[in-house]
Every structure is written in C-alpha cells, then in structure tokens.
Amino acid sequence: IPASGKTGFGVDKILEAVIKRVPAPKGEPDGPLQAMIFDSVFNTFRGIIAYYRIMNGSLKKGDKVKFVNTGETYYAEEIGVLKMDLLPKAKVSAGDVGYIVSGIKEAKEVKVGDTITTVANPCKEAVQGFEDVKPMVFAGIYPTDSNEFEDVRYAMEKLQLNDSSLVYEPESSAALGFGFRCGFLGMLHMEIVQERLEREFGMSVITTVPNVSYYCYTLREPDHQIIINNPSELPDPSTISTIEEPYIKAQVITKSEYVGQIMTLCVEKRGELRNQIYLTQDRVEITFDMPLAEIVFDFYDRLKSVSRGYASFDYNPIGYRTSDLIKLDILLNHQQVDALSALIHRSN
C-alpha cells in the first residue's frame, strides 16, 4: 500500500492497526528465562546464530545459557534483537525477538522449537510443542568414483550446516562401495539435496531407490521393536512375527472428470478411500489412507499423468500399521545386489 495514502490507508494507519492487534507480552521480565528457538543460520565467521523469541524472563550478554532439549550449555557471547539487521544489545527481555551468538559450530546442536534458559536461573519446564525432526524417506548416496568418498562427506557436512533436517550416516554396499545412508523429509527434499551436491559441490553421485523406515517384531522378542531403515537390515524371514509400515493421509484435489483414473491409481497403490467432497461443481477433494512406501517412487508422476497436470497432492503421516511385507532381492549374474533390494507387499 503506498505511503501517500491514496487508498485511504497511509503507513501510519497500518502501523497503528498492527500495534493494536499485537497483544502485549504476558511474560515475567524478572522470572526464569524461557526463550523458544524458531530458526538458525550459519555464519562463516561466527558459527551458528540462533533466532528466538523470549516468552518469559530476560537474557543478558555473557550469561551461561542451556538448550533444554539438547542439554548443551554455552556462553552468550553476543545477543540482540532482529531489525533490518542484527542489532546488538546488553539485555533482551520478554516479548523480544532476538539472536544469540555462542560459538556453536554444528547445526544439529540448534533445534527449531528448543528452549533456551539460563544455568543460574533455569525454567521449570520447556516451551511446549517441541518435536525432533523425523526423516520420512531414506536413500543411499554413493560417489560414482569411490576415491571421492571423503569429498562427499565434506559436502554433506557443509550441506547440514544450513539444512539441519538432513540426516546421514556412513554405510557400505557390496555393489557401490562406500557411501551414506541419508534421511530426508520427503521426495522434494531428497531431490534438492541431490541437486545441491551436484551444482554447489560438483559431486557426481548415485542415489539408490528411496524407501521408508519399517518396524519389525521377531518371534523371540515380540515386544522388542527393530527399526528397519534399509531392506538389508531385515532379519531372517522365519524369525519375523510382524512388520509395520508408515501410513499417510493423502489428499488429492482434482477436476471431477479425472476422479475415476485417480481412484484406480490410489487403489492400485493399496490406498483406502476415506472421503470424497465436491468443493465446486467440477472440483473434488479425495482423501485416502495410503502406505508411504507406495508414494515415494513414481506415484506423483503417475498422478500428474492421469490428471493431465490438474491434480494437487498433499499428505501427512498418521502412524504405523501391520502389513504383509516381504523382501525382494535382485540378482546380477546370480549374485545379490544389496542396493537394489526392496520391501514390497506380498500381492506385488
């Protein structure tokens, strides 16, 4: 809106309206510090800079602070508030949105939703709602040249500095050599990481078929849960009691003329129809419960094909369910290639 006020709303009027709408902070300025981290950035010279909002209490420069969920302690080398730039201050209080520089070098030490408090006057409980980021899709990333393993490791460490949701650990494959088992938030996240490795670091990598994590229970220990992130980790089939796989609630919005093809596709992917709502005369929202494993490979491409691009897709996890799954191995010259193994439903 222009500052001239030609529309009847000048900038001063807008600011006045915003100030009236924003409630005054209810926190106690002198109580125990309770600040929630909502973001963090990596600075080459200063390390990780965490952004937070103080809910209660106050924070002074030089205070010894503790991150509640990670349990780590640091010194507040520099604090301040967020304006057009970082504005250093000696003290920030309840209601302020600010930053803290404490010499942190690893992104995984700063988690979004974590609570900052002081060691001298700690808060009794953390800000509610914190959850660890859980990867939903797993895939192996291997260098095309085995001599570049350390270069890929360096690139992954750099990527993780500004993408704390990327999880990886070293693994080896008989067919592909040494590489990394990576966890991603979804298929788009996986493609972004792969592109960044190639564009920003010049790494030529091979990505294995994406899969999801499963819960396995054995006959000997029916109450002990084994997490399977890689099909090669599956125990001997004769010892398995049950296998559980993650399910999602999938919502597809499309034109009514494509409903038949989309329903056929979702049922083929072991989907269970939950709801069908006509938003307008020719626009429909269809809700399915589906196994996550069925959508991480080619589901989105096929959905766009059958709907000629006129379908939007959204999903959220709804927990694990027992399924009749078996391990599929692929042999080359009569030798099993572990990178090509997959867990699939018995009907397939």
Protein backbone atom coordinates (compact mmCIF):
# COMPACT_ATOMS: atom_id res chain seq x y z
CA ILE A 1 0.00 0.00 0.00
CA PRO A 2 1.58 3.35 -0.99
CA ALA A 3 2.72 5.69 1.78
CA SER A 4 0.89 8.56 0.08
CA GLY A 5 -2.38 7.25 1.48
CA LYS A 6 -4.19 7.39 -1.88
CA THR A 7 -6.06 4.23 -0.97
CA GLY A 8 -7.24 5.78 2.28
CA PHE A 9 -4.69 3.82 4.34
CA GLY A 10 -1.35 5.53 4.96
CA VAL A 11 1.60 3.65 6.50
CA ASP A 12 0.95 5.33 9.87
CA LYS A 13 -2.62 4.00 9.87
CA ILE A 14 -1.44 0.47 9.05
CA LEU A 15 1.21 0.53 11.80
CA GLU A 16 -1.36 1.80 14.28
CA ALA A 17 -3.72 -1.04 13.32
CA VAL A 18 -0.94 -3.65 13.63
CA ILE A 19 0.13 -2.37 17.07
CA LYS A 20 -3.45 -2.62 18.30
CA ARG A 21 -3.74 -6.21 17.05
CA VAL A 22 -0.44 -7.43 18.60
CA PRO A 23 -1.02 -8.41 22.25
CA ALA A 24 1.43 -7.12 24.86
CA PRO A 25 3.83 -9.82 26.12
CA LYS A 26 2.50 -11.59 29.20
CA GLY A 27 5.88 -12.95 30.29
CA GLU A 28 7.57 -12.01 33.55
CA PRO A 29 10.66 -9.86 32.83
CA ASP A 30 12.46 -10.97 36.02
CA GLY A 31 11.38 -14.62 36.13
CA PRO A 32 13.31 -17.66 34.82
CA LEU A 33 14.38 -17.31 31.19
CA GLN A 34 12.20 -19.19 28.71
CA ALA A 35 13.03 -18.47 25.04
CA MET A 36 11.91 -20.54 22.05
CA ILE A 37 14.22 -21.03 19.05
CA PHE A 38 12.35 -20.61 15.76
CA ASP A 39 15.24 -20.56 13.25
CA SER A 40 19.01 -20.62 12.89
CA VAL A 41 21.53 -19.57 10.25
CA PHE A 42 25.18 -20.41 9.65
CA ASN A 43 27.75 -17.60 9.55
CA THR A 44 31.21 -18.46 8.21
CA PHE A 45 32.98 -16.34 10.84
CA ARG A 46 30.68 -16.62 13.86
CA GLY A 47 29.23 -20.13 13.61
CA ILE A 48 25.54 -20.89 14.14
CA ILE A 49 23.36 -17.89 15.00
CA ALA A 50 20.11 -18.94 16.69
CA TYR A 51 16.95 -16.81 16.43
CA TYR A 52 14.49 -16.94 19.32
CA ARG A 53 11.52 -15.25 20.98
CA ILE A 54 11.66 -14.67 24.73
CA MET A 55 8.45 -15.90 26.34
CA ASN A 56 9.47 -15.21 29.96
CA GLY A 57 12.42 -13.68 31.80
CA SER A 58 15.37 -11.82 30.32
CA LEU A 59 18.79 -12.61 28.88
CA LYS A 60 22.00 -10.62 29.45
CA LYS A 61 25.22 -10.61 27.45
CA GLY A 62 27.72 -13.05 28.98
CA ASP A 63 25.07 -15.25 30.67
CA LYS A 64 25.68 -19.00 30.70
CA VAL A 65 22.71 -20.50 28.86
CA LYS A 66 21.38 -24.03 28.43
CA PHE A 67 19.47 -25.51 25.49
CA VAL A 68 16.88 -27.64 27.28
CA ASN A 69 16.24 -30.43 24.74
CA THR A 70 19.88 -30.99 23.74
CA GLY A 71 21.21 -30.41 27.28
CA GLU A 72 24.18 -28.37 25.98
CA THR A 73 25.46 -25.22 27.72
CA TYR A 74 27.06 -22.16 26.11
CA TYR A 75 28.03 -18.55 26.88
CA ALA A 76 26.01 -15.73 25.31
CA GLU A 77 28.93 -14.00 23.59
CA GLU A 78 26.60 -11.61 21.78
CA ILE A 79 22.86 -11.07 22.00
CA GLY A 80 20.50 -8.59 20.39
CA VAL A 81 17.21 -8.06 18.60
CA LEU A 82 16.22 -8.58 14.98
CA LYS A 83 15.62 -5.41 12.99
CA MET A 84 16.63 -4.79 9.37
CA ASP A 85 19.98 -6.12 10.58
CA LEU A 86 21.17 -7.79 13.80
CA LEU A 87 21.13 -5.08 16.48
CA PRO A 88 23.39 -5.96 19.48
CA LYS A 89 22.08 -5.22 22.98
CA ALA A 90 23.29 -5.82 26.51
CA LYS A 91 19.93 -7.26 27.58
CA VAL A 92 16.81 -8.64 25.89
CA SER A 93 13.52 -9.17 27.73
CA ALA A 94 10.15 -10.92 27.48
CA GLY A 95 8.43 -10.27 24.16
CA ASP A 96 11.67 -9.52 22.27
CA VAL A 97 12.59 -11.44 19.13
CA GLY A 98 16.37 -11.69 19.04
CA TYR A 99 19.50 -13.65 18.25
CA ILE A 100 22.35 -15.27 20.16
CA VAL A 101 25.95 -15.90 19.07
CA SER A 102 27.61 -18.55 21.24
CA GLY A 103 30.28 -20.15 19.06
CA ILE A 104 28.21 -23.20 18.04
CA LYS A 105 29.77 -24.93 15.04
CA GLU A 106 27.30 -27.78 14.29
CA ALA A 107 23.75 -27.17 13.04
CA LYS A 108 22.39 -30.29 14.79
CA GLU A 109 23.07 -28.64 18.18
CA VAL A 110 20.42 -25.98 17.46
CA LYS A 111 16.94 -27.45 17.02
CA VAL A 112 13.88 -25.46 16.00
CA GLY A 113 11.38 -25.46 18.88
CA ASP A 114 14.07 -25.94 21.55
CA THR A 115 14.01 -23.77 24.68
CA ILE A 116 16.87 -21.55 25.86
CA THR A 117 17.19 -20.91 29.60
CA THR A 118 19.94 -19.70 31.93
CA VAL A 119 22.03 -22.06 34.05
CA ALA A 120 21.82 -19.70 37.05
CA ASN A 121 18.00 -19.39 36.98
CA PRO A 122 16.59 -22.26 34.84
CA CYS A 123 12.92 -22.54 33.87
CA LYS A 124 10.94 -25.42 35.38
CA GLU A 125 9.61 -26.65 32.03
CA ALA A 126 10.40 -26.08 28.35
CA VAL A 127 8.11 -24.30 25.91
CA GLN A 128 5.53 -26.90 24.84
CA GLY A 129 5.33 -28.41 21.37
CA PHE A 130 8.96 -29.32 20.59
CA GLU A 131 9.40 -32.36 18.34
CA ASP A 132 12.56 -33.78 16.82
CA VAL A 133 12.58 -33.67 13.02
CA LYS A 134 11.99 -37.24 11.82
CA PRO A 135 13.09 -38.23 8.31
CA MET A 136 10.35 -39.98 6.32
CA VAL A 137 12.24 -41.13 3.21
CA PHE A 138 15.60 -42.91 3.15
CA ALA A 139 18.03 -43.41 0.27
CA GLY A 140 21.70 -44.23 -0.21
CA ILE A 141 24.02 -41.65 -1.78
CA TYR A 142 27.26 -43.02 -3.24
CA PRO A 143 30.03 -41.27 -5.21
CA THR A 144 30.42 -42.53 -8.78
CA ASP A 145 34.17 -42.67 -8.10
CA SER A 146 34.95 -44.48 -4.81
CA ASN A 147 38.00 -42.23 -4.30
CA GLU A 148 35.66 -39.24 -3.81
CA PHE A 149 34.11 -40.62 -0.60
CA GLU A 150 35.83 -38.04 1.65
CA ASP A 151 34.83 -35.23 -0.74
CA VAL A 152 31.17 -36.32 -0.47
CA ARG A 153 31.48 -36.46 3.33
CA TYR A 154 32.82 -32.87 3.35
CA ALA A 155 29.98 -31.75 1.05
CA MET A 156 27.35 -33.42 3.28
CA GLU A 157 28.78 -31.70 6.38
CA LYS A 158 28.59 -28.32 4.60
CA LEU A 159 25.01 -29.01 3.47
CA GLN A 160 23.93 -29.90 7.00
CA LEU A 161 25.14 -26.52 8.29
CA ASN A 162 22.14 -24.79 6.68
CA ASP A 163 19.82 -27.79 6.45
CA SER A 164 19.58 -29.38 9.89
CA SER A 165 16.76 -31.72 8.75
CA LEU A 166 19.26 -33.71 6.64
CA VAL A 167 20.31 -36.89 8.48
CA TYR A 168 23.10 -39.13 7.22
CA GLU A 169 25.45 -41.88 8.37
CA PRO A 170 28.20 -43.81 6.54
CA GLU A 171 27.36 -47.21 5.06
CA SER A 172 28.91 -49.61 2.59
CA SER A 173 27.45 -51.63 -0.25
CA ALA A 174 28.99 -54.65 -1.91
CA ALA A 175 27.98 -53.25 -5.31
CA LEU A 176 28.53 -49.49 -4.87
CA GLY A 177 31.33 -49.29 -2.29
CA PHE A 178 31.34 -46.66 0.47
CA GLY A 179 28.60 -44.05 0.71
CA PHE A 180 25.99 -42.58 3.03
CA ARG A 181 22.55 -43.63 4.22
CA CYS A 182 20.53 -40.41 4.18
CA GLY A 183 17.19 -39.50 5.71
CA PHE A 184 15.01 -36.86 4.06
CA LEU A 185 11.74 -35.12 4.94
CA GLY A 186 10.24 -36.19 1.61
CA MET A 187 10.92 -36.72 -2.08
CA LEU A 188 11.32 -32.99 -2.82
CA HIS A 189 13.89 -32.66 -0.03
CA MET A 190 15.82 -35.61 -1.48
CA GLU A 191 15.89 -34.06 -4.96
CA ILE A 192 17.05 -30.70 -3.54
CA VAL A 193 19.95 -32.32 -1.66
CA GLN A 194 20.97 -34.30 -4.74
CA GLU A 195 20.87 -31.16 -6.92
CA ARG A 196 22.85 -29.11 -4.41
CA LEU A 197 25.55 -31.81 -4.20
CA GLU A 198 25.93 -31.67 -7.97
CA ARG A 199 25.62 -27.89 -8.51
CA GLU A 200 27.32 -26.40 -5.45
CA PHE A 201 30.00 -29.02 -4.80
CA GLY A 202 30.46 -30.59 -8.24
CA MET A 203 29.83 -34.09 -6.84
CA SER A 204 28.69 -36.81 -9.21
CA VAL A 205 26.64 -39.21 -7.07
CA ILE A 206 24.40 -42.28 -7.44
CA THR A 207 21.16 -42.30 -5.44
CA THR A 208 19.60 -45.67 -4.62
CA VAL A 209 15.86 -46.37 -4.79
CA PRO A 210 14.20 -44.38 -1.97
CA ASN A 211 12.42 -46.31 0.77
CA VAL A 212 10.90 -45.69 4.19
CA SER A 213 11.58 -46.99 7.69
CA TYR A 214 9.68 -50.02 8.99
CA TYR A 215 9.09 -51.53 12.44
CA CYS A 216 9.83 -55.24 12.73
CA TYR A 217 8.95 -57.64 15.56
CA THR A 218 10.50 -61.10 15.90
CA LEU A 219 9.03 -64.32 17.30
CA ARG A 220 11.68 -64.49 20.04
CA GLU A 221 11.12 -60.92 21.27
CA PRO A 222 7.57 -59.92 20.28
CA ASP A 223 7.74 -56.72 22.37
CA HIS A 224 11.13 -55.55 21.06
CA GLN A 225 10.82 -53.10 18.16
CA ILE A 226 13.52 -53.22 15.46
CA ILE A 227 13.71 -50.15 13.20
CA ILE A 228 14.48 -51.11 9.59
CA ASN A 229 15.86 -48.20 7.52
CA ASN A 230 17.45 -50.43 4.88
CA PRO A 231 15.98 -53.67 3.46
CA SER A 232 19.33 -55.39 4.06
CA GLU A 233 18.78 -54.92 7.84
CA LEU A 234 15.68 -57.17 7.80
CA PRO A 235 16.10 -60.30 9.98
CA ASP A 236 15.65 -63.83 8.64
CA PRO A 237 12.02 -64.20 7.40
CA SER A 238 11.48 -67.34 9.50
CA THR A 239 12.09 -65.33 12.71
CA ILE A 240 9.77 -62.41 11.86
CA SER A 241 6.47 -62.07 13.70
CA THR A 242 5.05 -58.87 12.13
CA ILE A 243 6.23 -55.88 10.10
CA GLU A 244 4.64 -52.44 10.41
CA GLU A 245 4.91 -49.75 7.73
CA PRO A 246 4.18 -45.99 7.92
CA TYR A 247 0.81 -44.78 6.61
CA ILE A 248 -0.17 -41.32 5.43
CA LYS A 249 -3.40 -39.39 4.97
CA ALA A 250 -3.29 -38.33 1.31
CA GLN A 251 -5.47 -35.52 -0.03
CA VAL A 252 -5.89 -35.08 -3.78
CA ILE A 253 -7.76 -32.11 -5.27
CA THR A 254 -8.64 -32.52 -8.94
CA LYS A 255 -11.23 -31.94 -11.64
CA SER A 256 -14.23 -34.25 -11.47
CA GLU A 257 -13.51 -35.80 -14.89
CA TYR A 258 -10.29 -37.39 -13.56
CA VAL A 259 -11.76 -38.90 -10.35
CA GLY A 260 -12.06 -42.41 -11.85
CA GLN A 261 -8.43 -42.63 -13.02
CA ILE A 262 -7.11 -41.20 -9.73
CA MET A 263 -9.16 -43.65 -7.64
CA THR A 264 -7.86 -46.53 -9.77
CA LEU A 265 -4.27 -45.33 -9.22
CA CYS A 266 -4.72 -44.92 -5.44
CA VAL A 267 -6.36 -48.35 -5.02
CA GLU A 268 -3.54 -49.88 -7.08
CA LYS A 269 -1.14 -48.28 -4.58
CA ARG A 270 -3.02 -50.01 -1.71
CA GLY A 271 -4.93 -46.85 -0.81
CA GLU A 272 -8.18 -46.94 1.22
CA LEU A 273 -10.78 -44.32 0.30
CA ARG A 274 -11.81 -42.26 3.35
CA ASN A 275 -13.71 -39.27 1.97
CA GLN A 276 -14.82 -37.55 -1.21
CA ILE A 277 -16.01 -33.93 -1.16
CA TYR A 278 -17.15 -31.76 -4.08
CA LEU A 279 -15.64 -28.33 -3.41
CA THR A 280 -17.31 -26.87 -6.54
CA GLN A 281 -19.28 -28.38 -9.44
CA ASP A 282 -16.13 -29.61 -11.17
CA ARG A 283 -13.54 -29.74 -8.35
CA VAL A 284 -13.26 -32.71 -5.98
CA GLU A 285 -11.19 -33.42 -2.85
CA ILE A 286 -10.46 -37.13 -2.35
CA THR A 287 -8.92 -38.42 0.89
CA PHE A 288 -7.09 -41.75 1.10
CA ASP A 289 -5.13 -43.67 3.74
CA MET A 290 -2.06 -44.97 1.92
CA PRO A 291 1.29 -46.64 2.71
CA LEU A 292 4.08 -44.05 2.48
CA ALA A 293 6.28 -46.56 0.64
CA GLU A 294 3.85 -46.55 -2.30
CA ILE A 295 4.18 -42.81 -2.97
CA VAL A 296 7.96 -42.35 -2.69
CA PHE A 297 8.78 -43.90 -6.03
CA ASP A 298 6.59 -42.97 -9.00
CA PHE A 299 3.20 -42.02 -7.53
CA TYR A 300 3.42 -38.27 -8.10
CA ASP A 301 4.50 -38.63 -11.74
CA ARG A 302 1.66 -41.03 -12.47
CA LEU A 303 -0.85 -38.79 -10.66
CA LYS A 304 0.12 -35.86 -12.88
CA SER A 305 -0.08 -38.08 -15.98
CA VAL A 306 -3.60 -39.44 -15.35
CA SER A 307 -4.91 -35.98 -14.42
CA ARG A 308 -3.04 -34.14 -17.23
CA GLY A 309 -1.48 -31.97 -14.54
CA TYR A 310 -4.82 -30.96 -12.97
CA ALA A 311 -4.28 -32.60 -9.58
CA SER A 312 -2.67 -31.27 -6.40
CA PHE A 313 -1.35 -33.67 -3.78
CA ASP A 314 -0.73 -33.24 -0.06
CA TYR A 315 -0.10 -35.73 2.73
CA ASN A 316 0.69 -36.05 6.43
CA PRO A 317 1.79 -39.13 8.45
CA ILE A 318 -0.83 -40.91 10.57
CA GLY A 319 1.23 -43.70 12.19
CA TYR A 320 2.25 -47.31 11.53
CA ARG A 321 0.09 -50.29 10.54
CA THR A 322 0.80 -54.01 10.25
CA SER A 323 1.27 -55.18 6.63
CA ASP A 324 2.14 -58.40 4.82
CA LEU A 325 5.56 -57.35 3.51
CA ILE A 326 8.35 -59.42 2.00
CA LYS A 327 11.87 -58.62 0.88
CA LEU A 328 12.55 -58.57 -2.86
CA ASP A 329 16.16 -59.25 -3.89
CA ILE A 330 17.55 -58.65 -7.37
CA LEU A 331 20.43 -60.82 -8.57
CA LEU A 332 23.01 -59.89 -11.19
CA ASN A 333 24.96 -62.91 -12.51
CA HIS A 334 23.44 -64.96 -9.66
CA GLN A 335 24.79 -62.53 -7.05
CA GLN A 336 22.55 -60.42 -4.81
CA VAL A 337 22.95 -56.63 -5.15
CA ASP A 338 22.03 -55.17 -1.75
CA ALA A 339 21.50 -51.64 -3.15
CA LEU A 340 18.60 -52.94 -5.31
CA SER A 341 16.76 -54.81 -2.51
CA ALA A 342 13.33 -53.55 -1.51
CA LEU A 343 10.48 -54.39 0.86
CA ILE A 344 7.22 -54.83 -1.05
CA HIS A 345 3.72 -56.08 -0.33
CA ARG A 346 3.21 -59.80 -0.94
CA SER A 347 0.46 -59.07 -3.51
CA ASN A 348 3.06 -57.33 -5.71
